[in-house]
């Protein structure tokens, strides 16, 4: 069974997304770039879509390696 975030909220701040995924801010941006995921910009606020966060959790290939 895959990990899936279940909530009624559809978008999350960068700090919320990092907490949910248990990764650092720089790792979130690195993994997002590798998986062609772009956050939504609402004025100066950055929001990460729930579907994109779940996609990161579901895709084992999205795990970063130290290189």
C-alpha atoms as a PDB file:
ATOM      1  CA  UNK A   1       0.000   0.000   0.000  1.00  0.00           C
ATOM      2  CA  UNK A   2       1.335   3.426  -0.879  1.00  0.00           C
ATOM      3  CA  UNK A   3       1.555   6.396   1.431  1.00  0.00           C
ATOM      4  CA  UNK A   4      -1.122   8.962   0.680  1.00  0.00           C
ATOM      5  CA  UNK A   5      -1.866  12.231   2.419  1.00  0.00           C
ATOM      6  CA  UNK A   6      -5.575  12.474   3.224  1.00  0.00           C
ATOM      7  CA  UNK A   7      -6.950  15.938   3.971  1.00  0.00           C
ATOM      8  CA  UNK A   8      -9.586  18.355   2.746  1.00  0.00           C
ATOM      9  CA  UNK A   9      -6.906  21.012   2.176  1.00  0.00           C
ATOM     10  CA  UNK A  10      -5.771  21.171  -1.473  1.00  0.00           C
ATOM     11  CA  UNK A  11      -2.566  23.225  -1.199  1.00  0.00           C
ATOM     12  CA  UNK A  12       0.148  23.686   1.407  1.00  0.00           C
ATOM     13  CA  UNK A  13       2.902  26.152   2.208  1.00  0.00           C
ATOM     14  CA  UNK A  14       6.498  25.059   1.702  1.00  0.00           C
ATOM     15  CA  UNK A  15       6.999  24.533   5.442  1.00  0.00           C
ATOM     16  CA  UNK A  16       3.778  22.476   5.681  1.00  0.00           C
ATOM     17  CA  UNK A  17       4.806  20.357   2.686  1.00  0.00           C
ATOM     18  CA  UNK A  18       8.248  19.750   4.191  1.00  0.00           C
ATOM     19  CA  UNK A  19       6.724  18.660   7.501  1.00  0.00           C
ATOM     20  CA  UNK A  20       4.273  16.334   5.744  1.00  0.00           C
ATOM     21  CA  UNK A  21       7.031  14.709   3.688  1.00  0.00           C
ATOM     22  CA  UNK A  22       9.642  14.810   6.486  1.00  0.00           C
ATOM     23  CA  UNK A  23      12.205  16.480   4.238  1.00  0.00           C
ATOM     24  CA  UNK A  24      14.082  19.772   4.226  1.00  0.00           C
ATOM     25  CA  UNK A  25      13.124  22.784   2.121  1.00  0.00           C
ATOM     26  CA  UNK A  26      16.084  22.298  -0.218  1.00  0.00           C
ATOM     27  CA  UNK A  27      15.227  18.610  -0.659  1.00  0.00           C
ATOM     28  CA  UNK A  28      11.609  19.496  -1.497  1.00  0.00           C
ATOM     29  CA  UNK A  29      12.740  21.849  -4.260  1.00  0.00           C
ATOM     30  CA  UNK A  30      15.313  19.320  -5.518  1.00  0.00           C
ATOM     31  CA  UNK A  31      12.785  16.461  -5.681  1.00  0.00           C
ATOM     32  CA  UNK A  32      10.172  18.754  -7.248  1.00  0.00           C
ATOM     33  CA  UNK A  33      12.647  19.843  -9.934  1.00  0.00           C
ATOM     34  CA  UNK A  34      13.579  16.205 -10.673  1.00  0.00           C
ATOM     35  CA  UNK A  35       9.896  15.285 -11.031  1.00  0.00           C
ATOM     36  CA  UNK A  36       8.921  18.415 -12.980  1.00  0.00           C
ATOM     37  CA  UNK A  37       6.599  19.652 -10.224  1.00  0.00           C
ATOM     38  CA  UNK A  38       6.135  23.393  -9.887  1.00  0.00           C
ATOM     39  CA  UNK A  39       4.505  25.008  -6.885  1.00  0.00           C
ATOM     40  CA  UNK A  40       1.607  27.400  -7.379  1.00  0.00           C
ATOM     41  CA  UNK A  41       2.412  31.054  -6.763  1.00  0.00           C
ATOM     42  CA  UNK A  42      -0.336  33.160  -5.185  1.00  0.00           C
ATOM     43  CA  UNK A  43       1.112  36.631  -5.082  1.00  0.00           C
ATOM     44  CA  UNK A  44       4.224  36.174  -2.978  1.00  0.00           C
ATOM     45  CA  UNK A  45       2.947  32.953  -1.372  1.00  0.00           C
ATOM     46  CA  UNK A  46       4.148  29.571  -2.600  1.00  0.00           C
ATOM     47  CA  UNK A  47       1.737  26.642  -2.370  1.00  0.00           C
ATOM     48  CA  UNK A  48       2.274  22.957  -3.138  1.00  0.00           C
ATOM     49  CA  UNK A  49      -0.683  21.016  -4.548  1.00  0.00           C
ATOM     50  CA  UNK A  50      -1.861  17.957  -2.622  1.00  0.00           C
ATOM     51  CA  UNK A  51      -1.872  15.848  -5.811  1.00  0.00           C
ATOM     52  CA  UNK A  52       1.777  16.717  -6.447  1.00  0.00           C
ATOM     53  CA  UNK A  53       2.792  15.870  -2.868  1.00  0.00           C
ATOM     54  CA  UNK A  54       1.000  12.525  -3.117  1.00  0.00           C
ATOM     55  CA  UNK A  55       2.753  11.888  -6.433  1.00  0.00           C
ATOM     56  CA  UNK A  56       6.098  12.404  -4.707  1.00  0.00           C
ATOM     57  CA  UNK A  57       5.100   9.915  -2.006  1.00  0.00           C
ATOM     58  CA  UNK A  58       3.850   7.336  -4.524  1.00  0.00           C
ATOM     59  CA  UNK A  59       6.832   7.409  -6.866  1.00  0.00           C
ATOM     60  CA  UNK A  60       9.784   5.416  -5.491  1.00  0.00           C
ATOM     61  CA  UNK A  61      11.961   6.907  -8.247  1.00  0.00           C
ATOM     62  CA  UNK A  62      11.427  10.353  -6.731  1.00  0.00           C
ATOM     63  CA  UNK A  63      13.603   9.498  -3.749  1.00  0.00           C
ATOM     64  CA  UNK A  64      16.780  11.536  -3.855  1.00  0.00           C
ATOM     65  CA  UNK A  65      20.237  10.082  -3.495  1.00  0.00           C
ATOM     66  CA  UNK A  66      23.275  11.882  -2.237  1.00  0.00           C
ATOM     67  CA  UNK A  67      25.621  12.556  -5.126  1.00  0.00           C
END
